[in-house]
Amino acid sequence: MAALLILFTDSFTVGSFVFYSYCGITDIADGIIARKTYTQSSFGEKLDSMQILYLLQSVYIKFCRR
């Protein structure tokens, strides 16, 4: 969800940096928590890949529209 919010912020601002950082930090934390609690699943792996894809697409769209 935060990846989509990047589309509605101005490029190279504090807001876009905050949303991008939030997405990266939660992705890293999610992976660490899943490994430490042994709650990894194939669905979680697919969902994580989709989240990264949405983040990268949002950033790509944002910078191409500039």
PDB file of N, CA and C in Angstrom:
ATOM      1  N   MET A   1       0.815  -1.182   0.000  1.00  0.00           N
ATOM      2  CA  MET A   1       0.000   0.000   0.000  1.00  0.00           C
ATOM      3  C   MET A   1       0.866   1.256   0.000  1.00  0.00           C
ATOM      4  N   ALA A   2       1.913   1.239   0.780  1.00  0.00           N
ATOM      5  CA  ALA A   2       2.790   2.413   0.829  1.00  0.00           C
ATOM      6  C   ALA A   2       3.489   2.625  -0.510  1.00  0.00           C
ATOM      7  N   ALA A   3       3.700   1.528  -1.251  1.00  0.00           N
ATOM      8  CA  ALA A   3       4.331   1.664  -2.565  1.00  0.00           C
ATOM      9  C   ALA A   3       3.458   2.500  -3.497  1.00  0.00           C
ATOM     10  N   LEU A   4       2.162   2.359  -3.391  1.00  0.00           N
ATOM     11  CA  LEU A   4       1.263   3.147  -4.233  1.00  0.00           C
ATOM     12  C   LEU A   4       1.219   4.602  -3.811  1.00  0.00           C
ATOM     13  N   LEU A   5       1.491   4.876  -2.545  1.00  0.00           N
ATOM     14  CA  LEU A   5       1.504   6.258  -2.074  1.00  0.00           C
ATOM     15  C   LEU A   5       2.660   7.054  -2.674  1.00  0.00           C
ATOM     16  N   ILE A   6       3.686   6.355  -3.122  1.00  0.00           N
ATOM     17  CA  ILE A   6       4.810   7.027  -3.765  1.00  0.00           C
ATOM     18  C   ILE A   6       4.330   7.758  -5.018  1.00  0.00           C
ATOM     19  N   LEU A   7       3.322   7.199  -5.689  1.00  0.00           N
ATOM     20  CA  LEU A   7       2.808   7.823  -6.911  1.00  0.00           C
ATOM     21  C   LEU A   7       2.164   9.178  -6.643  1.00  0.00           C
ATOM     22  N   PHE A   8       1.689   9.397  -5.426  1.00  0.00           N
ATOM     23  CA  PHE A   8       0.966  10.619  -5.113  1.00  0.00           C
ATOM     24  C   PHE A   8       1.805  11.655  -4.371  1.00  0.00           C
ATOM     25  N   THR A   9       3.097  11.412  -4.273  1.00  0.00           N
ATOM     26  CA  THR A   9       3.987  12.389  -3.654  1.00  0.00           C
ATOM     27  C   THR A   9       4.863  13.011  -4.732  1.00  0.00           C
ATOM     28  N   ASP A  10       5.387  14.170  -4.466  1.00  0.00           N
ATOM     29  CA  ASP A  10       6.300  14.807  -5.414  1.00  0.00           C
ATOM     30  C   ASP A  10       7.625  14.065  -5.408  1.00  0.00           C
ATOM     31  N   SER A  11       8.284  14.046  -6.564  1.00  0.00           N
ATOM     32  CA  SER A  11       9.574  13.365  -6.682  1.00  0.00           C
ATOM     33  C   SER A  11      10.644  14.093  -5.876  1.00  0.00           C
ATOM     34  N   PHE A  12      11.547  13.311  -5.320  1.00  0.00           N
ATOM     35  CA  PHE A  12      12.709  13.829  -4.604  1.00  0.00           C
ATOM     36  C   PHE A  12      12.325  14.745  -3.451  1.00  0.00           C
ATOM     37  N   THR A  13      11.304  14.372  -2.714  1.00  0.00           N
ATOM     38  CA  THR A  13      10.901  15.134  -1.537  1.00  0.00           C
ATOM     39  C   THR A  13      11.035  14.248  -0.310  1.00  0.00           C
ATOM     40  N   VAL A  14      10.845  14.839   0.829  1.00  0.00           N
ATOM     41  CA  VAL A  14      10.911  14.086   2.080  1.00  0.00           C
ATOM     42  C   VAL A  14       9.812  13.022   2.116  1.00  0.00           C
ATOM     43  N   GLY A  15       8.630  13.372   1.618  1.00  0.00           N
ATOM     44  CA  GLY A  15       7.514  12.419   1.617  1.00  0.00           C
ATOM     45  C   GLY A  15       7.809  11.181   0.797  1.00  0.00           C
ATOM     46  N   SER A  16       8.354  11.349  -0.391  1.00  0.00           N
ATOM     47  CA  SER A  16       8.667  10.183  -1.216  1.00  0.00           C
ATOM     48  C   SER A  16       9.786   9.362  -0.587  1.00  0.00           C
ATOM     49  N   PHE A  17      10.752  10.034   0.022  1.00  0.00           N
ATOM     50  CA  PHE A  17      11.829   9.310   0.707  1.00  0.00           C
ATOM     51  C   PHE A  17      11.288   8.508   1.888  1.00  0.00           C
ATOM     52  N   VAL A  18      10.360   9.090   2.626  1.00  0.00           N
ATOM     53  CA  VAL A  18       9.768   8.403   3.777  1.00  0.00           C
ATOM     54  C   VAL A  18       9.012   7.153   3.326  1.00  0.00           C
ATOM     55  N   PHE A  19       8.178   7.280   2.292  1.00  0.00           N
ATOM     56  CA  PHE A  19       7.417   6.124   1.813  1.00  0.00           C
ATOM     57  C   PHE A  19       8.340   5.043   1.264  1.00  0.00           C
ATOM     58  N   TYR A  20       9.352   5.437   0.497  1.00  0.00           N
ATOM     59  CA  TYR A  20      10.288   4.466  -0.062  1.00  0.00           C
ATOM     60  C   TYR A  20      11.064   3.766   1.044  1.00  0.00           C
ATOM     61  N   SER A  21      11.519   4.521   2.019  1.00  0.00           N
ATOM     62  CA  SER A  21      12.252   3.937   3.151  1.00  0.00           C
ATOM     63  C   SER A  21      11.364   3.003   3.965  1.00  0.00           C
ATOM     64  N   TYR A  22      10.121   3.414   4.184  1.00  0.00           N
ATOM     65  CA  TYR A  22       9.166   2.585   4.918  1.00  0.00           C
ATOM     66  C   TYR A  22       8.972   1.238   4.225  1.00  0.00           C
ATOM     67  N   CYS A  23       8.830   1.264   2.915  1.00  0.00           N
ATOM     68  CA  CYS A  23       8.654   0.011   2.168  1.00  0.00           C
ATOM     69  C   CYS A  23       9.875  -0.896   2.312  1.00  0.00           C
ATOM     70  N   GLY A  24      11.050  -0.318   2.207  1.00  0.00           N
ATOM     71  CA  GLY A  24      12.266  -1.115   2.325  1.00  0.00           C
ATOM     72  C   GLY A  24      12.466  -1.677   3.717  1.00  0.00           C
ATOM     73  N   ILE A  25      12.229  -0.867   4.723  1.00  0.00           N
ATOM     74  CA  ILE A  25      12.420  -1.312   6.113  1.00  0.00           C
ATOM     75  C   ILE A  25      11.430  -2.407   6.480  1.00  0.00           C
ATOM     76  N   THR A  26      10.165  -2.235   6.084  1.00  0.00           N
ATOM     77  CA  THR A  26       9.173  -3.273   6.418  1.00  0.00           C
ATOM     78  C   THR A  26       9.445  -4.561   5.654  1.00  0.00           C
ATOM     79  N   ASP A  27       9.989  -4.469   4.456  1.00  0.00           N
ATOM     80  CA  ASP A  27      10.343  -5.671   3.701  1.00  0.00           C
ATOM     81  C   ASP A  27      11.474  -6.432   4.392  1.00  0.00           C
ATOM     82  N   ILE A  28      12.476  -5.704   4.831  1.00  0.00           N
ATOM     83  CA  ILE A  28      13.595  -6.338   5.537  1.00  0.00           C
ATOM     84  C   ILE A  28      13.126  -6.934   6.862  1.00  0.00           C
ATOM     85  N   ALA A  29      12.338  -6.184   7.616  1.00  0.00           N
ATOM     86  CA  ALA A  29      11.846  -6.664   8.913  1.00  0.00           C
ATOM     87  C   ALA A  29      10.966  -7.902   8.743  1.00  0.00           C
ATOM     88  N   ASP A  30      10.132  -7.910   7.718  1.00  0.00           N
ATOM     89  CA  ASP A  30       9.271  -9.055   7.459  1.00  0.00           C
ATOM     90  C   ASP A  30      10.095 -10.321   7.214  1.00  0.00           C
ATOM     91  N   GLY A  31      11.143 -10.190   6.423  1.00  0.00           N
ATOM     92  CA  GLY A  31      12.003 -11.346   6.149  1.00  0.00           C
ATOM     93  C   GLY A  31      12.717 -11.847   7.390  1.00  0.00           C
ATOM     94  N   ILE A  32      13.224 -10.935   8.192  1.00  0.00           N
ATOM     95  CA  ILE A  32      13.929 -11.321   9.419  1.00  0.00           C
ATOM     96  C   ILE A  32      12.979 -12.011  10.393  1.00  0.00           C
ATOM     97  N   ILE A  33      11.807 -11.438  10.575  1.00  0.00           N
ATOM     98  CA  ILE A  33      10.828 -12.021  11.502  1.00  0.00           C
ATOM     99  C   ILE A  33      10.386 -13.403  11.040  1.00  0.00           C
ATOM    100  N   ALA A  34      10.140 -13.552   9.739  1.00  0.00           N
ATOM    101  CA  ALA A  34       9.696 -14.852   9.216  1.00  0.00           C
ATOM    102  C   ALA A  34      10.766 -15.922   9.415  1.00  0.00           C
ATOM    103  N   ARG A  35      12.031 -15.566   9.210  1.00  0.00           N
ATOM    104  CA  ARG A  35      13.100 -16.555   9.396  1.00  0.00           C
ATOM    105  C   ARG A  35      13.316 -16.910  10.856  1.00  0.00           C
ATOM    106  N   LYS A  36      13.255 -15.928  11.732  1.00  0.00           N
ATOM    107  CA  LYS A  36      13.501 -16.194  13.152  1.00  0.00           C
ATOM    108  C   LYS A  36      12.373 -16.954  13.817  1.00  0.00           C
ATOM    109  N   THR A  37      11.141 -16.756  13.346  1.00  0.00           N
ATOM    110  CA  THR A  37      10.001 -17.446  13.949  1.00  0.00           C
ATOM    111  C   THR A  37       9.609 -18.702  13.169  1.00  0.00           C
ATOM    112  N   TYR A  38      10.389 -19.030  12.138  1.00  0.00           N
ATOM    113  CA  TYR A  38      10.130 -20.217  11.309  1.00  0.00           C
ATOM    114  C   TYR A  38       8.703 -20.215  10.753  1.00  0.00           C
ATOM    115  N   THR A  39       8.269 -19.069  10.256  1.00  0.00           N
ATOM    116  CA  THR A  39       6.928 -18.954   9.685  1.00  0.00           C
ATOM    117  C   THR A  39       6.989 -18.653   8.194  1.00  0.00           C
ATOM    118  N   GLN A  40       8.004 -19.160   7.527  1.00  0.00           N
ATOM    119  CA  GLN A  40       8.123 -18.966   6.094  1.00  0.00           C
ATOM    120  C   GLN A  40       7.099 -19.839   5.377  1.00  0.00           C
ATOM    121  N   SER A  41       6.568 -19.316   4.280  1.00  0.00           N
ATOM    122  CA  SER A  41       5.634 -20.104   3.472  1.00  0.00           C
ATOM    123  C   SER A  41       5.805 -19.718   2.012  1.00  0.00           C
ATOM    124  N   SER A  42       5.322 -20.572   1.134  1.00  0.00           N
ATOM    125  CA  SER A  42       5.431 -20.256  -0.287  1.00  0.00           C
ATOM    126  C   SER A  42       4.531 -19.072  -0.637  1.00  0.00           C
ATOM    127  N   PHE A  43       3.389 -18.965   0.041  1.00  0.00           N
ATOM    128  CA  PHE A  43       2.508 -17.813  -0.183  1.00  0.00           C
ATOM    129  C   PHE A  43       3.201 -16.520   0.234  1.00  0.00           C
ATOM    130  N   GLY A  44       3.896 -16.541   1.365  1.00  0.00           N
ATOM    131  CA  GLY A  44       4.618 -15.370   1.841  1.00  0.00           C
ATOM    132  C   GLY A  44       5.728 -14.960   0.891  1.00  0.00           C
ATOM    133  N   GLU A  45       6.396 -15.943   0.310  1.00  0.00           N
ATOM    134  CA  GLU A  45       7.447 -15.640  -0.659  1.00  0.00           C
ATOM    135  C   GLU A  45       6.858 -14.955  -1.891  1.00  0.00           C
ATOM    136  N   LYS A  46       5.724 -15.453  -2.358  1.00  0.00           N
ATOM    137  CA  LYS A  46       5.073 -14.851  -3.530  1.00  0.00           C
ATOM    138  C   LYS A  46       4.565 -13.452  -3.202  1.00  0.00           C
ATOM    139  N   LEU A  47       3.997 -13.293  -2.024  1.00  0.00           N
ATOM    140  CA  LEU A  47       3.480 -11.992  -1.611  1.00  0.00           C
ATOM    141  C   LEU A  47       4.617 -10.986  -1.469  1.00  0.00           C
ATOM    142  N   ASP A  48       5.743 -11.424  -0.943  1.00  0.00           N
ATOM    143  CA  ASP A  48       6.903 -10.548  -0.798  1.00  0.00           C
ATOM    144  C   ASP A  48       7.424 -10.125  -2.160  1.00  0.00           C
ATOM    145  N   SER A  49       7.470 -11.055  -3.101  1.00  0.00           N
ATOM    146  CA  SER A  49       7.913 -10.726  -4.453  1.00  0.00           C
ATOM    147  C   SER A  49       6.973  -9.728  -5.117  1.00  0.00           C
ATOM    148  N   MET A  50       5.670  -9.893  -4.890  1.00  0.00           N
ATOM    149  CA  MET A  50       4.699  -8.952  -5.451  1.00  0.00           C
ATOM    150  C   MET A  50       4.866  -7.560  -4.854  1.00  0.00           C
ATOM    151  N   GLN A  51       5.157  -7.505  -3.559  1.00  0.00           N
ATOM    152  CA  GLN A  51       5.342  -6.216  -2.896  1.00  0.00           C
ATOM    153  C   GLN A  51       6.559  -5.485  -3.472  1.00  0.00           C
ATOM    154  N   ILE A  52       7.632  -6.208  -3.696  1.00  0.00           N
ATOM    155  CA  ILE A  52       8.834  -5.602  -4.283  1.00  0.00           C
ATOM    156  C   ILE A  52       8.541  -5.137  -5.703  1.00  0.00           C
ATOM    157  N   LEU A  53       7.788  -5.940  -6.448  1.00  0.00           N
ATOM    158  CA  LEU A  53       7.425  -5.569  -7.815  1.00  0.00           C
ATOM    159  C   LEU A  53       6.593  -4.295  -7.835  1.00  0.00           C
ATOM    160  N   TYR A  54       5.618  -4.181  -6.939  1.00  0.00           N
ATOM    161  CA  TYR A  54       4.798  -2.968  -6.860  1.00  0.00           C
ATOM    162  C   TYR A  54       5.643  -1.759  -6.483  1.00  0.00           C
ATOM    163  N   LEU A  55       6.566  -1.946  -5.588  1.00  0.00           N
ATOM    164  CA  LEU A  55       7.435  -0.840  -5.178  1.00  0.00           C
ATOM    165  C   LEU A  55       8.277  -0.361  -6.357  1.00  0.00           C
ATOM    166  N   LEU A  56       8.904  -1.289  -7.054  1.00  0.00           N
ATOM    167  CA  LEU A  56       9.753  -0.909  -8.177  1.00  0.00           C
ATOM    168  C   LEU A  56       8.940  -0.296  -9.317  1.00  0.00           C
ATOM    169  N   GLN A  57       7.750  -0.834  -9.575  1.00  0.00           N
ATOM    170  CA  GLN A  57       6.897  -0.262 -10.611  1.00  0.00           C
ATOM    171  C   GLN A  57       6.460   1.150 -10.237  1.00  0.00           C
ATOM    172  N   SER A  58       6.127   1.363  -8.990  1.00  0.00           N
ATOM    173  CA  SER A  58       5.711   2.693  -8.550  1.00  0.00           C
ATOM    174  C   SER A  58       6.831   3.708  -8.730  1.00  0.00           C
ATOM    175  N   VAL A  59       8.022   3.319  -8.349  1.00  0.00           N
ATOM    176  CA  VAL A  59       9.162   4.222  -8.488  1.00  0.00           C
ATOM    177  C   VAL A  59       9.451   4.473  -9.964  1.00  0.00           C
ATOM    178  N   TYR A  60       9.385   3.425 -10.777  1.00  0.00           N
ATOM    179  CA  TYR A  60       9.633   3.575 -12.210  1.00  0.00           C
ATOM    180  C   TYR A  60       8.607   4.503 -12.849  1.00  0.00           C
ATOM    181  N   ILE A  61       7.337   4.295 -12.539  1.00  0.00           N
ATOM    182  CA  ILE A  61       6.279   5.150 -13.082  1.00  0.00           C
ATOM    183  C   ILE A  61       6.473   6.594 -12.630  1.00  0.00           C
ATOM    184  N   LYS A  62       6.819   6.751 -11.375  1.00  0.00           N
ATOM    185  CA  LYS A  62       6.990   8.098 -10.819  1.00  0.00           C
ATOM    186  C   LYS A  62       8.101   8.854 -11.534  1.00  0.00           C
ATOM    187  N   PHE A  63       9.212   8.208 -11.772  1.00  0.00           N
ATOM    188  CA  PHE A  63      10.341   8.891 -12.389  1.00  0.00           C
ATOM    189  C   PHE A  63      10.185   9.029 -13.895  1.00  0.00           C
ATOM    190  N   CYS A  64       9.422   8.156 -14.528  1.00  0.00           N
ATOM    191  CA  CYS A  64       9.202   8.290 -15.972  1.00  0.00           C
ATOM    192  C   CYS A  64       8.198   9.396 -16.282  1.00  0.00           C
ATOM    193  N   ARG A  65       7.302   9.662 -15.358  1.00  0.00           N
ATOM    194  CA  ARG A  65       6.326  10.726 -15.575  1.00  0.00           C
ATOM    195  C   ARG A  65       6.937  12.094 -15.402  1.00  0.00           C
ATOM    196  N   ARG A  66       8.087  12.160 -14.812  1.00  0.00           N
ATOM    197  CA  ARG A  66       8.736  13.450 -14.519  1.00  0.00           C
ATOM    198  C   ARG A  66       9.184  14.111 -15.767  1.00  0.00           C
TER     199      ARG A  66
END
